[in-house]
C-alpha atoms as a PDB file:
ATOM      1  CA  MET A   1      93.457  58.393  65.827  1.00  0.00           C
ATOM      2  CA  SER A   2      90.985  58.703  63.030  1.00  0.00           C
ATOM      3  CA  ARG A   3      88.064  60.590  63.244  1.00  0.00           C
ATOM      4  CA  ARG A   4      86.008  57.147  62.441  1.00  0.00           C
ATOM      5  CA  ALA A   5      87.669  55.723  65.310  1.00  0.00           C
ATOM      6  CA  ALA A   6      87.362  58.669  67.241  1.00  0.00           C
ATOM      7  CA  LEU A   7      83.399  58.524  66.630  1.00  0.00           C
ATOM      8  CA  MET A   8      83.216  54.542  67.261  1.00  0.00           C
ATOM      9  CA  ALA A   9      85.426  55.350  70.755  1.00  0.00           C
ATOM     10  CA  ALA A  10      82.769  57.879  71.710  1.00  0.00           C
ATOM     11  CA  SER A  11      79.911  55.551  70.672  1.00  0.00           C
ATOM     12  CA  LEU A  12      81.421  53.114  72.720  1.00  0.00           C
ATOM     13  CA  LEU A  13      81.519  55.101  75.462  1.00  0.00           C
ATOM     14  CA  ALA A  14      78.346  56.343  75.523  1.00  0.00           C
ATOM     15  CA  GLY A  15      76.776  52.542  75.439  1.00  0.00           C
ATOM     16  CA  LEU A  16      78.703  51.603  78.158  1.00  0.00           C
ATOM     17  CA  ALA A  17      77.786  54.521  80.447  1.00  0.00           C
ATOM     18  CA  GLY A  18      73.929  53.564  79.056  1.00  0.00           C
ATOM     19  CA  LEU A  19      74.290  50.303  80.047  1.00  0.00           C
ATOM     20  CA  ALA A  20      75.797  51.208  83.930  1.00  0.00           C
ATOM     21  CA  ALA A  21      73.011  53.568  84.043  1.00  0.00           C
ATOM     22  CA  CYS A  22      70.381  50.845  83.124  1.00  0.00           C
ATOM     23  CA  SER A  23      71.978  48.197  85.404  1.00  0.00           C
ATOM     24  CA  ALA A  24      72.086  50.842  88.610  1.00  0.00           C
ATOM     25  CA  PRO A  25      69.782  50.207  91.368  1.00  0.00           C
ATOM     26  CA  SER A  26      66.813  52.244  91.511  1.00  0.00           C
ATOM     27  CA  ASP A  27      66.091  54.071  94.976  1.00  0.00           C
ATOM     28  CA  PRO A  28      64.132  51.480  96.377  1.00  0.00           C
ATOM     29  CA  LEU A  29      62.089  54.579  98.550  1.00  0.00           C
ATOM     30  CA  ALA A  30      61.621  56.021  95.094  1.00  0.00           C
ATOM     31  CA  GLY A  31      57.327  56.598  95.175  1.00  0.00           C
ATOM     32  CA  ILE A  32      57.042  56.578  98.557  1.00  0.00           C
ATOM     33  CA  VAL A  33      54.309  59.174  99.938  1.00  0.00           C
ATOM     34  CA  LEU A  34      54.613  60.189 103.322  1.00  0.00           C
ATOM     35  CA  GLU A  35      51.142  61.387 104.657  1.00  0.00           C
ATOM     36  CA  THR A  36      50.713  63.193 108.002  1.00  0.00           C
ATOM     37  CA  GLN A  37      47.063  62.628 109.318  1.00  0.00           C
ATOM     38  CA  ASP A  38      45.429  64.539 111.932  1.00  0.00           C
ATOM     39  CA  SER A  39      44.984  62.195 114.982  1.00  0.00           C
ATOM     40  CA  GLY A  40      42.617  64.590 117.176  1.00  0.00           C
ATOM     41  CA  VAL A  41      44.829  64.381 120.290  1.00  0.00           C
ATOM     42  CA  SER A  42      48.223  65.640 121.389  1.00  0.00           C
ATOM     43  CA  THR A  43      49.194  62.693 123.459  1.00  0.00           C
ATOM     44  CA  SER A  44      51.905  60.170 123.189  1.00  0.00           C
ATOM     45  CA  LEU A  45      50.911  57.036 120.912  1.00  0.00           C
ATOM     46  CA  ARG A  46      52.600  53.743 121.082  1.00  0.00           C
ATOM     47  CA  GLY A  47      50.201  51.163 120.814  1.00  0.00           C
ATOM     48  CA  LEU A  48      49.224  50.750 116.928  1.00  0.00           C
ATOM     49  CA  SER A  49      47.946  47.586 115.581  1.00  0.00           C
ATOM     50  CA  VAL A  50      46.852  47.895 111.477  1.00  0.00           C
ATOM     51  CA  VAL A  51      44.468  45.287 110.206  1.00  0.00           C
ATOM     52  CA  SER A  52      44.179  46.283 106.357  1.00  0.00           C
ATOM     53  CA  ASP A  53      44.767  49.538 104.346  1.00  0.00           C
ATOM     54  CA  ASP A  54      42.009  50.930 105.517  1.00  0.00           C
ATOM     55  CA  VAL A  55      41.865  50.015 109.018  1.00  0.00           C
ATOM     56  CA  ALA A  56      44.109  50.693 111.896  1.00  0.00           C
ATOM     57  CA  TRP A  57      44.084  51.053 115.849  1.00  0.00           C
ATOM     58  CA  ILE A  58      45.970  52.766 118.088  1.00  0.00           C
ATOM     59  CA  GLY A  59      46.041  52.905 122.107  1.00  0.00           C
ATOM     60  CA  ALA A  60      46.694  56.282 123.768  1.00  0.00           C
ATOM     61  CA  PRO A  61      47.017  58.030 127.123  1.00  0.00           C
ATOM     62  CA  ASP A  62      43.795  58.855 129.381  1.00  0.00           C
ATOM     63  CA  GLY A  63      42.085  55.826 128.626  1.00  0.00           C
ATOM     64  CA  GLN A  64      41.919  56.340 125.122  1.00  0.00           C
ATOM     65  CA  ILE A  65      41.631  54.779 121.829  1.00  0.00           C
ATOM     66  CA  LEU A  66      41.845  55.976 118.026  1.00  0.00           C
ATOM     67  CA  ARG A  67      40.221  54.160 115.206  1.00  0.00           C
ATOM     68  CA  THR A  68      39.977  54.559 111.344  1.00  0.00           C
ATOM     69  CA  VAL A  69      38.370  52.997 108.662  1.00  0.00           C
ATOM     70  CA  ASP A  70      39.273  55.025 105.727  1.00  0.00           C
ATOM     71  CA  GLY A  71      42.612  54.759 105.622  1.00  0.00           C
ATOM     72  CA  GLY A  72      43.283  57.631 108.125  1.00  0.00           C
ATOM     73  CA  ALA A  73      41.485  60.194 106.649  1.00  0.00           C
ATOM     74  CA  HIS A  74      39.357  60.151 109.413  1.00  0.00           C
ATOM     75  CA  TRP A  75      40.451  58.821 113.171  1.00  0.00           C
ATOM     76  CA  ASP A  76      37.373  58.584 115.768  1.00  0.00           C
ATOM     77  CA  VAL A  77      38.863  58.920 119.539  1.00  0.00           C
ATOM     78  CA  PHE A  78      37.167  57.021 121.786  1.00  0.00           C
ATOM     79  CA  THR A  79      37.154  57.261 125.723  1.00  0.00           C
ATOM     80  CA  ILE A  80      36.988  53.773 127.752  1.00  0.00           C
ATOM     81  CA  GLU A  81      35.421  55.024 130.788  1.00  0.00           C
ATOM     82  CA  ALA A  82      36.401  52.066 133.199  1.00  0.00           C
ATOM     83  CA  ALA A  83      39.718  52.388 131.928  1.00  0.00           C
ATOM     84  CA  ASP A  84      39.715  55.482 134.497  1.00  0.00           C
ATOM     85  CA  GLY A  85      41.977  56.879 132.624  1.00  0.00           C
ATOM     86  CA  ALA A  86      45.620  54.792 132.210  1.00  0.00           C
ATOM     87  CA  ASP A  87      47.535  54.620 129.083  1.00  0.00           C
ATOM     88  CA  LEU A  88      46.619  51.965 126.687  1.00  0.00           C
ATOM     89  CA  ARG A  89      49.942  50.250 124.849  1.00  0.00           C
ATOM     90  CA  SER A  90      49.047  47.056 124.334  1.00  0.00           C
ATOM     91  CA  VAL A  91      46.335  46.951 121.341  1.00  0.00           C
ATOM     92  CA  GLN A  92      45.130  44.198 118.860  1.00  0.00           C
ATOM     93  CA  GLY A  93      42.810  45.359 115.967  1.00  0.00           C
ATOM     94  CA  PHE A  94      40.616  41.788 114.138  1.00  0.00           C
ATOM     95  CA  SER A  95      37.999  44.379 111.851  1.00  0.00           C
ATOM     96  CA  GLY A  96      37.062  47.969 112.096  1.00  0.00           C
ATOM     97  CA  ASP A  97      34.714  46.608 115.146  1.00  0.00           C
ATOM     98  CA  ARG A  98      36.813  44.325 116.964  1.00  0.00           C
ATOM     99  CA  ALA A  99      39.691  45.037 119.007  1.00  0.00           C
ATOM    100  CA  LEU A 100      41.361  44.812 122.114  1.00  0.00           C
ATOM    101  CA  ALA A 101      43.020  46.853 124.243  1.00  0.00           C
ATOM    102  CA  PHE A 102      45.471  46.532 127.343  1.00  0.00           C
ATOM    103  CA  THR A 103      46.111  49.303 130.399  1.00  0.00           C
ATOM    104  CA  ALA A 104      49.758  49.629 131.019  1.00  0.00           C
ATOM    105  CA  GLY A 105      50.034  50.099 134.660  1.00  0.00           C
ATOM    106  CA  GLN A 106      47.963  49.275 137.836  1.00  0.00           C
ATOM    107  CA  PRO A 107      45.164  47.786 138.408  1.00  0.00           C
ATOM    108  CA  ALA A 108      46.380  45.890 134.866  1.00  0.00           C
ATOM    109  CA  ARG A 109      42.618  45.410 132.865  1.00  0.00           C
ATOM    110  CA  LEU A 110      41.949  44.168 129.421  1.00  0.00           C
ATOM    111  CA  PHE A 111      38.851  45.661 127.202  1.00  0.00           C
ATOM    112  CA  LEU A 112      37.108  44.758 124.046  1.00  0.00           C
ATOM    113  CA  THR A 113      34.680  46.159 121.740  1.00  0.00           C
ATOM    114  CA  GLU A 114      32.968  44.590 119.180  1.00  0.00           C
ATOM    115  CA  ASP A 115      30.762  47.759 117.877  1.00  0.00           C
ATOM    116  CA  GLY A 116      33.735  49.739 116.489  1.00  0.00           C
ATOM    117  CA  GLY A 117      34.399  51.716 119.744  1.00  0.00           C
ATOM    118  CA  GLN A 118      31.112  52.250 120.798  1.00  0.00           C
ATOM    119  CA  SER A 119      31.167  49.971 123.909  1.00  0.00           C
ATOM    120  CA  PHE A 120      34.057  48.435 125.462  1.00  0.00           C
ATOM    121  CA  GLN A 121      33.626  45.328 127.956  1.00  0.00           C
ATOM    122  CA  PRO A 122      36.284  44.207 130.257  1.00  0.00           C
ATOM    123  CA  VAL A 123      37.022  40.980 129.608  1.00  0.00           C
ATOM    124  CA  TRP A 124      40.458  40.442 132.093  1.00  0.00           C
ATOM    125  CA  GLU A 125      41.276  42.274 135.323  1.00  0.00           C
ATOM    126  CA  ASP A 126      44.595  41.465 137.252  1.00  0.00           C
ATOM    127  CA  PRO A 127      44.068  39.703 140.586  1.00  0.00           C
ATOM    128  CA  THR A 128      47.131  40.599 142.534  1.00  0.00           C
ATOM    129  CA  GLY A 129      47.421  44.739 141.665  1.00  0.00           C
ATOM    130  CA  VAL A 130      50.946  44.330 140.596  1.00  0.00           C
ATOM    131  CA  ALA A 131      50.843  43.131 136.833  1.00  0.00           C
ATOM    132  CA  PHE A 132      52.123  45.597 133.898  1.00  0.00           C
ATOM    133  CA  PHE A 133      51.439  44.467 130.725  1.00  0.00           C
ATOM    134  CA  ASP A 134      53.690  45.512 127.577  1.00  0.00           C
ATOM    135  CA  ALA A 135      52.294  43.841 124.701  1.00  0.00           C
ATOM    136  CA  LEU A 136      49.867  41.818 122.640  1.00  0.00           C
ATOM    137  CA  ALA A 137      50.436  39.495 119.967  1.00  0.00           C
ATOM    138  CA  PHE A 138      47.896  36.663 117.900  1.00  0.00           C
ATOM    139  CA  TRP A 139      48.664  33.778 115.542  1.00  0.00           C
ATOM    140  CA  SER A 140      45.549  33.808 114.188  1.00  0.00           C
ATOM    141  CA  SER A 141      42.294  35.757 115.000  1.00  0.00           C
ATOM    142  CA  ASP A 142      41.535  33.142 117.740  1.00  0.00           C
ATOM    143  CA  PHE A 143      44.955  32.176 119.475  1.00  0.00           C
ATOM    144  CA  GLY A 144      47.179  34.856 121.025  1.00  0.00           C
ATOM    145  CA  LEU A 145      48.989  36.111 123.740  1.00  0.00           C
ATOM    146  CA  ALA A 146      49.838  38.861 126.791  1.00  0.00           C
ATOM    147  CA  PHE A 147      52.864  39.614 127.929  1.00  0.00           C
ATOM    148  CA  SER A 148      53.019  41.404 131.276  1.00  0.00           C
ATOM    149  CA  ASP A 149      56.154  42.214 133.923  1.00  0.00           C
ATOM    150  CA  PRO A 150      56.692  39.450 136.615  1.00  0.00           C
ATOM    151  CA  ILE A 151      54.193  38.916 139.549  1.00  0.00           C
ATOM    152  CA  PRO A 152      54.873  37.396 142.676  1.00  0.00           C
ATOM    153  CA  GLY A 153      55.454  33.911 141.208  1.00  0.00           C
ATOM    154  CA  GLY A 154      57.065  34.642 138.065  1.00  0.00           C
ATOM    155  CA  PHE A 155      56.135  36.302 134.443  1.00  0.00           C
ATOM    156  CA  LEU A 156      53.038  36.765 133.604  1.00  0.00           C
ATOM    157  CA  VAL A 157      51.922  35.582 130.539  1.00  0.00           C
ATOM    158  CA  LEU A 158      48.404  35.127 129.137  1.00  0.00           C
ATOM    159  CA  VAL A 159      46.880  32.930 126.401  1.00  0.00           C
ATOM    160  CA  THR A 160      43.414  32.800 124.714  1.00  0.00           C
ATOM    161  CA  ASP A 161      41.830  30.375 122.261  1.00  0.00           C
ATOM    162  CA  ASP A 162      38.729  32.484 121.581  1.00  0.00           C
ATOM    163  CA  GLY A 163      40.016  35.962 120.200  1.00  0.00           C
ATOM    164  CA  GLY A 164      40.414  37.462 123.443  1.00  0.00           C
ATOM    165  CA  ARG A 165      36.886  37.149 125.338  1.00  0.00           C
ATOM    166  CA  ASN A 166      38.562  34.560 127.908  1.00  0.00           C
ATOM    167  CA  TRP A 167      42.206  34.061 129.204  1.00  0.00           C
ATOM    168  CA  SER A 168      44.154  31.716 131.199  1.00  0.00           C
ATOM    169  CA  ARG A 169      47.666  32.106 132.527  1.00  0.00           C
ATOM    170  CA  LEU A 170      50.440  30.025 131.211  1.00  0.00           C
ATOM    171  CA  ALA A 171      53.075  27.778 133.472  1.00  0.00           C
ATOM    172  CA  GLY A 172      56.485  26.589 133.049  1.00  0.00           C
ATOM    173  CA  LEU A 173      58.176  30.158 132.184  1.00  0.00           C
ATOM    174  CA  PRO A 174      61.934  30.977 132.705  1.00  0.00           C
ATOM    175  CA  GLU A 175      62.321  32.463 136.474  1.00  0.00           C
ATOM    176  CA  PRO A 176      62.776  36.289 136.180  1.00  0.00           C
ATOM    177  CA  LEU A 177      66.222  37.477 136.491  1.00  0.00           C
ATOM    178  CA  GLU A 178      66.677  40.431 138.687  1.00  0.00           C
ATOM    179  CA  GLY A 179      64.976  43.425 137.635  1.00  0.00           C
ATOM    180  CA  GLU A 180      63.919  41.991 134.346  1.00  0.00           C
ATOM    181  CA  ALA A 181      60.755  42.847 133.228  1.00  0.00           C
ATOM    182  CA  GLY A 182      59.502  44.252 129.532  1.00  0.00           C
ATOM    183  CA  PHE A 183      58.944  47.227 127.750  1.00  0.00           C
ATOM    184  CA  ALA A 184      55.655  48.473 126.451  1.00  0.00           C
ATOM    185  CA  ALA A 185      56.933  50.828 123.931  1.00  0.00           C
ATOM    186  CA  SER A 186      55.163  50.010 120.813  1.00  0.00           C
ATOM    187  CA  ASN A 187      53.541  46.989 121.788  1.00  0.00           C
ATOM    188  CA  SER A 188      56.106  44.895 120.003  1.00  0.00           C
ATOM    189  CA  SER A 189      57.815  43.083 122.280  1.00  0.00           C
ATOM    190  CA  ILE A 190      56.157  39.879 121.132  1.00  0.00           C
ATOM    191  CA  ALA A 191      56.836  38.072 117.857  1.00  0.00           C
ATOM    192  CA  VAL A 192      54.681  35.150 116.599  1.00  0.00           C
ATOM    193  CA  ALA A 193      55.189  32.688 113.665  1.00  0.00           C
ATOM    194  CA  PRO A 194      52.234  30.587 111.857  1.00  0.00           C
ATOM    195  CA  ASN A 195      54.003  27.097 113.576  1.00  0.00           C
ATOM    196  CA  GLY A 196      53.409  28.381 117.061  1.00  0.00           C
ATOM    197  CA  CYS A 197      56.404  29.890 117.933  1.00  0.00           C
ATOM    198  CA  ALA A 198      56.953  32.933 120.205  1.00  0.00           C
ATOM    199  CA  TRP A 199      59.138  35.092 121.448  1.00  0.00           C
ATOM    200  CA  ILE A 200      59.451  37.461 123.975  1.00  0.00           C
ATOM    201  CA  GLY A 201      61.896  40.244 124.965  1.00  0.00           C
ATOM    202  CA  THR A 202      62.754  41.323 128.451  1.00  0.00           C
ATOM    203  CA  GLY A 203      65.080  43.723 129.505  1.00  0.00           C
ATOM    204  CA  GLY A 204      66.358  45.445 133.085  1.00  0.00           C
ATOM    205  CA  GLY A 205      68.335  42.287 133.877  1.00  0.00           C
ATOM    206  CA  GLU A 206      71.722  41.568 133.847  1.00  0.00           C
ATOM    207  CA  THR A 207      71.269  40.394 130.280  1.00  0.00           C
ATOM    208  CA  ALA A 208      68.431  41.052 127.920  1.00  0.00           C
ATOM    209  CA  ARG A 209      66.981  37.984 127.221  1.00  0.00           C
ATOM    210  CA  VAL A 210      64.150  36.313 124.632  1.00  0.00           C
ATOM    211  CA  LEU A 211      61.595  33.889 126.310  1.00  0.00           C
ATOM    212  CA  ARG A 212      60.422  31.236 123.780  1.00  0.00           C
ATOM    213  CA  THR A 213      58.411  28.857 122.943  1.00  0.00           C
ATOM    214  CA  CYS A 214      57.411  26.527 119.620  1.00  0.00           C
ATOM    215  CA  GLU A 215      54.668  24.725 121.278  1.00  0.00           C
ATOM    216  CA  PHE A 216      51.917  27.608 121.513  1.00  0.00           C
ATOM    217  CA  GLY A 217      53.037  28.363 124.945  1.00  0.00           C
ATOM    218  CA  THR A 218      53.221  24.927 126.633  1.00  0.00           C
ATOM    219  CA  GLU A 219      57.018  24.497 126.644  1.00  0.00           C
ATOM    220  CA  TRP A 220      59.394  27.488 127.489  1.00  0.00           C
ATOM    221  CA  ASP A 221      63.023  28.183 127.692  1.00  0.00           C
ATOM    222  CA  SER A 222      65.249  31.206 127.253  1.00  0.00           C
ATOM    223  CA  VAL A 223      67.956  32.764 125.511  1.00  0.00           C
ATOM    224  CA  ASP A 224      70.577  35.304 126.511  1.00  0.00           C
ATOM    225  CA  THR A 225      70.844  38.316 123.173  1.00  0.00           C
ATOM    226  CA  PRO A 226      73.663  40.973 122.872  1.00  0.00           C
ATOM    227  CA  LEU A 227      71.497  43.609 122.933  1.00  0.00           C
ATOM    228  CA  ALA A 228      72.062  46.322 125.669  1.00  0.00           C
ATOM    229  CA  ALA A 229      71.579  45.143 129.303  1.00  0.00           C
ATOM    230  CA  GLY A 230      72.509  46.001 132.824  1.00  0.00           C
ATOM    231  CA  SER A 231      70.317  49.036 133.498  1.00  0.00           C
ATOM    232  CA  PRO A 232      66.755  49.284 134.459  1.00  0.00           C
ATOM    233  CA  GLY A 233      66.338  51.380 130.719  1.00  0.00           C
ATOM    234  CA  ALA A 234      68.300  48.640 128.632  1.00  0.00           C
ATOM    235  CA  GLY A 235      67.448  45.478 126.821  1.00  0.00           C
ATOM    236  CA  ILE A 236      64.601  44.525 123.951  1.00  0.00           C
ATOM    237  CA  PHE A 237      61.925  47.076 123.070  1.00  0.00           C
ATOM    238  CA  ALA A 238      60.708  45.294 119.755  1.00  0.00           C
ATOM    239  CA  LEU A 239      60.752  41.562 118.380  1.00  0.00           C
ATOM    240  CA  ALA A 240      60.055  41.087 114.341  1.00  0.00           C
ATOM    241  CA  TYR A 241      60.008  37.575 112.442  1.00  0.00           C
ATOM    242  CA  THR A 242      60.556  37.942 109.052  1.00  0.00           C
ATOM    243  CA  GLY A 243      59.934  34.071 108.147  1.00  0.00           C
ATOM    244  CA  ASP A 244      63.918  33.331 108.567  1.00  0.00           C
ATOM    245  CA  LYS A 245      65.255  35.719 110.764  1.00  0.00           C
ATOM    246  CA  LEU A 246      64.053  36.859 114.161  1.00  0.00           C
ATOM    247  CA  ILE A 247      65.161  40.455 114.634  1.00  0.00           C
ATOM    248  CA  ALA A 248      65.562  42.134 118.219  1.00  0.00           C
ATOM    249  CA  ALA A 249      65.716  45.934 118.459  1.00  0.00           C
ATOM    250  CA  GLY A 250      66.141  48.060 121.586  1.00  0.00           C
ATOM    251  CA  GLY A 251      68.866  49.664 123.223  1.00  0.00           C
ATOM    252  CA  ASP A 252      69.050  52.003 126.179  1.00  0.00           C
ATOM    253  CA  TYR A 253      66.457  54.433 126.121  1.00  0.00           C
ATOM    254  CA  GLN A 254      67.756  56.327 128.629  1.00  0.00           C
ATOM    255  CA  THR A 255      70.853  57.052 126.396  1.00  0.00           C
ATOM    256  CA  PRO A 256      68.576  57.756 122.855  1.00  0.00           C
ATOM    257  CA  ASN A 257      72.206  58.735 120.419  1.00  0.00           C
ATOM    258  CA  ALA A 258      73.908  54.980 121.688  1.00  0.00           C
ATOM    259  CA  THR A 259      74.132  52.612 119.124  1.00  0.00           C
ATOM    260  CA  ALA A 260      75.829  49.782 121.276  1.00  0.00           C
ATOM    261  CA  GLY A 261      73.757  46.944 121.779  1.00  0.00           C
ATOM    262  CA  ASN A 262      70.478  48.048 119.689  1.00  0.00           C
ATOM    263  CA  LEU A 263      70.209  45.310 117.528  1.00  0.00           C
ATOM    264  CA  ALA A 264      70.735  42.044 116.831  1.00  0.00           C
ATOM    265  CA  TRP A 265      69.052  39.183 114.247  1.00  0.00           C
ATOM    266  CA  SER A 266      69.480  35.287 115.108  1.00  0.00           C
ATOM    267  CA  ASP A 267      69.057  32.942 111.869  1.00  0.00           C
ATOM    268  CA  ASP A 268      68.175  29.813 114.281  1.00  0.00           C
ATOM    269  CA  GLY A 269      65.058  30.846 116.168  1.00  0.00           C
ATOM    270  CA  GLY A 270      67.061  32.592 118.630  1.00  0.00           C
ATOM    271  CA  THR A 271      69.678  30.373 119.846  1.00  0.00           C
ATOM    272  CA  SER A 272      72.674  32.298 118.236  1.00  0.00           C
ATOM    273  CA  TRP A 273      72.748  36.059 117.559  1.00  0.00           C
ATOM    274  CA  GLU A 274      74.722  38.214 114.665  1.00  0.00           C
ATOM    275  CA  THR A 275      75.134  42.565 115.391  1.00  0.00           C
ATOM    276  CA  PRO A 276      75.274  44.697 112.654  1.00  0.00           C
ATOM    277  CA  ILE A 277      78.387  46.475 111.074  1.00  0.00           C
ATOM    278  CA  ALA A 278      76.540  49.605 110.926  1.00  0.00           C
ATOM    279  CA  PRO A 279      73.513  49.710 113.452  1.00  0.00           C
ATOM    280  CA  PRO A 280      70.983  52.194 113.750  1.00  0.00           C
ATOM    281  CA  GLY A 281      71.702  55.418 114.934  1.00  0.00           C
ATOM    282  CA  GLY A 282      70.175  54.974 118.650  1.00  0.00           C
ATOM    283  CA  TYR A 283      67.811  53.387 120.671  1.00  0.00           C
ATOM    284  CA  ARG A 284      65.171  51.888 118.631  1.00  0.00           C
ATOM    285  CA  SER A 285      61.298  50.969 120.474  1.00  0.00           C
ATOM    286  CA  ASP A 286      59.936  49.286 116.926  1.00  0.00           C
ATOM    287  CA  VAL A 287      61.242  47.261 114.319  1.00  0.00           C
ATOM    288  CA  THR A 288      59.687  45.409 111.278  1.00  0.00           C
ATOM    289  CA  ASN A 289      59.214  44.566 107.707  1.00  0.00           C
ATOM    290  CA  PHE A 290      59.528  46.849 105.524  1.00  0.00           C
ATOM    291  CA  PRO A 291      57.662  45.928 102.366  1.00  0.00           C
ATOM    292  CA  LEU A 292      59.825  47.259  99.422  1.00  0.00           C
ATOM    293  CA  ALA A 293      59.700  45.269  96.241  1.00  0.00           C
ATOM    294  CA  GLN A 294      63.530  43.811  97.726  1.00  0.00           C
ATOM    295  CA  PRO A 295      62.650  42.466 101.059  1.00  0.00           C
ATOM    296  CA  ALA A 296      64.030  45.217 103.950  1.00  0.00           C
ATOM    297  CA  LEU A 297      63.496  45.801 107.007  1.00  0.00           C
ATOM    298  CA  ILE A 298      62.865  49.612 108.950  1.00  0.00           C
ATOM    299  CA  ALA A 299      63.427  50.468 112.748  1.00  0.00           C
ATOM    300  CA  THR A 300      62.419  53.540 114.175  1.00  0.00           C
ATOM    301  CA  GLY A 301      63.064  55.465 117.380  1.00  0.00           C
ATOM    302  CA  PRO A 302      62.700  58.843 119.193  1.00  0.00           C
ATOM    303  CA  ASN A 303      65.811  60.454 117.080  1.00  0.00           C
ATOM    304  CA  GLY A 304      65.236  59.221 113.742  1.00  0.00           C
ATOM    305  CA  THR A 305      64.389  56.089 111.459  1.00  0.00           C
ATOM    306  CA  ASP A 306      66.312  53.480 109.636  1.00  0.00           C
ATOM    307  CA  ILE A 307      66.306  50.598 107.002  1.00  0.00           C
ATOM    308  CA  SER A 308      68.127  47.854 106.421  1.00  0.00           C
ATOM    309  CA  ARG A 309      68.098  46.088 102.876  1.00  0.00           C
ATOM    310  CA  ASN A 310      70.509  43.072 103.642  1.00  0.00           C
ATOM    311  CA  GLY A 311      68.645  41.331 106.720  1.00  0.00           C
ATOM    312  CA  GLY A 312      70.103  43.785 109.319  1.00  0.00           C
ATOM    313  CA  GLU A 313      73.834  43.992 108.843  1.00  0.00           C
ATOM    314  CA  ILE A 314      73.776  47.588 107.598  1.00  0.00           C
ATOM    315  CA  TRP A 315      71.476  50.145 108.424  1.00  0.00           C
ATOM    316  CA  THR A 316      71.125  53.548 107.135  1.00  0.00           C
ATOM    317  CA  PRO A 317      69.072  56.328 108.174  1.00  0.00           C
ATOM    318  CA  TRP A 318      65.596  57.815 106.500  1.00  0.00           C
ATOM    319  CA  PRO A 319      65.408  61.610 106.988  1.00  0.00           C
ATOM    320  CA  ASP A 320      62.313  61.615 105.289  1.00  0.00           C
ATOM    321  CA  LEU A 321      60.801  59.863 108.012  1.00  0.00           C
ATOM    322  CA  PRO A 322      61.345  61.350 111.413  1.00  0.00           C
ATOM    323  CA  GLY A 323      61.596  59.185 114.053  1.00  0.00           C
ATOM    324  CA  HIS A 324      58.141  57.949 115.732  1.00  0.00           C
ATOM    325  CA  HIS A 325      57.782  55.412 118.875  1.00  0.00           C
ATOM    326  CA  ALA A 326      55.779  52.215 116.506  1.00  0.00           C
ATOM    327  CA  ILE A 327      55.554  51.330 113.300  1.00  0.00           C
ATOM    328  CA  ALA A 328      53.559  48.745 111.146  1.00  0.00           C
ATOM    329  CA  PHE A 329      52.604  47.777 108.041  1.00  0.00           C
ATOM    330  CA  SER A 330      49.112  46.191 106.516  1.00  0.00           C
ATOM    331  CA  PRO A 331      48.965  42.603 105.254  1.00  0.00           C
ATOM    332  CA  SER A 332      48.853  43.691 102.001  1.00  0.00           C
ATOM    333  CA  GLY A 333      52.138  45.388 101.691  1.00  0.00           C
ATOM    334  CA  HIS A 334      50.868  48.500 100.396  1.00  0.00           C
ATOM    335  CA  SER A 335      50.547  50.905 103.062  1.00  0.00           C
ATOM    336  CA  GLY A 336      51.401  51.526 106.650  1.00  0.00           C
ATOM    337  CA  TRP A 337      51.520  53.897 109.949  1.00  0.00           C
ATOM    338  CA  ALA A 338      54.222  55.686 112.181  1.00  0.00           C
ATOM    339  CA  VAL A 339      53.178  56.933 115.111  1.00  0.00           C
ATOM    340  CA  GLY A 340      54.544  59.075 117.967  1.00  0.00           C
ATOM    341  CA  SER A 341      55.076  61.712 120.349  1.00  0.00           C
ATOM    342  CA  ASP A 342      52.308  64.782 120.749  1.00  0.00           C
ATOM    343  CA  GLY A 343      49.664  62.566 118.739  1.00  0.00           C
ATOM    344  CA  ARG A 344      52.021  62.355 115.323  1.00  0.00           C
ATOM    345  CA  ILE A 345      50.437  59.869 112.800  1.00  0.00           C
ATOM    346  CA  THR A 346      52.374  59.402 109.709  1.00  0.00           C
ATOM    347  CA  ARG A 347      50.746  57.336 107.001  1.00  0.00           C
ATOM    348  CA  ILE A 348      53.327  55.568 104.520  1.00  0.00           C
ATOM    349  CA  LEU A 349      52.089  54.819 101.227  1.00  0.00           C
ATOM    350  CA  LEU A 350      54.158  52.335  99.011  1.00  0.00           C
ATOM    351  CA  PRO A 351      53.628  52.266  95.141  1.00  0.00           C
ATOM    352  CA  GLU A 352      52.420  49.397  93.194  1.00  0.00           C
ATOM    353  CA  ARG A 353      54.866  46.473  92.574  1.00  0.00           C
ATOM    354  CA  ASP A 354      55.756  44.706  89.483  1.00  0.00           C
END
């Protein structure tokens, strides 16, 4: 080969290498900042509601609820004296002033603050003494649902149309299976869609089911899912709706490293389900949309956090973010929080998207 031909070949190879480098996908997690924040408590945190990039509410044991209005630079800790030390695992924030908090356990009570946590008013109390609430979710600032384990007479689902000030019980839900209930692991076992659809995940029975409505709760049916079932600690712990997919996450919290039956997704509102080729790395207590430049999902649990960039088919671990109980992002998609054991709070700051 002549010297000129050799130089031309080398130049061509260099150009091809440069083209390959330019076309290679960039790291989707590049530029994300993870910030450990001081919660002021050392208890296990599970109920998380992110209102904006600045405002979030977190439920805690001992009748406590946390609030930030400055992106987590400071967390206020309030104690609801009337909660009698109960664990607050279901929380819904509306602003820096307004929030709802449900106790997990008996007696089940729902509290509302409209003055930024300075006072909490009871707005509902279980007359049966046996309800155990698992999650709160809202279609809008007025319309919302609350889901409890079964009481005598069946599942207990409450609905409000005035932002949580008044509640009534819905009828027509499917009959519970033997041992069937919900899980108050992350305030995420209800997913809602703007068109009046809602999905509630269950476990503890012979099959893990989704209870669903597309009539704002006036009519219900149920569908079986492939998630782990057959033991008291197995089932659906979290649901997320992406706009075209319904994602169910869970497994069995008593076998936290098991991957079988820990995630599935549906493309038709829950009628049929698919399972991943590569599932998350164990039991997962929460799953949600991950607002990267390209749509993604994120799931977390005690032993780690995983990400999927293809709608749930393949999950890869994200070692930078250790396991948490709950994770949620702001409506803007610019930031979010993850909360977990020992009072852990991690803020997730995402880079500006083009």
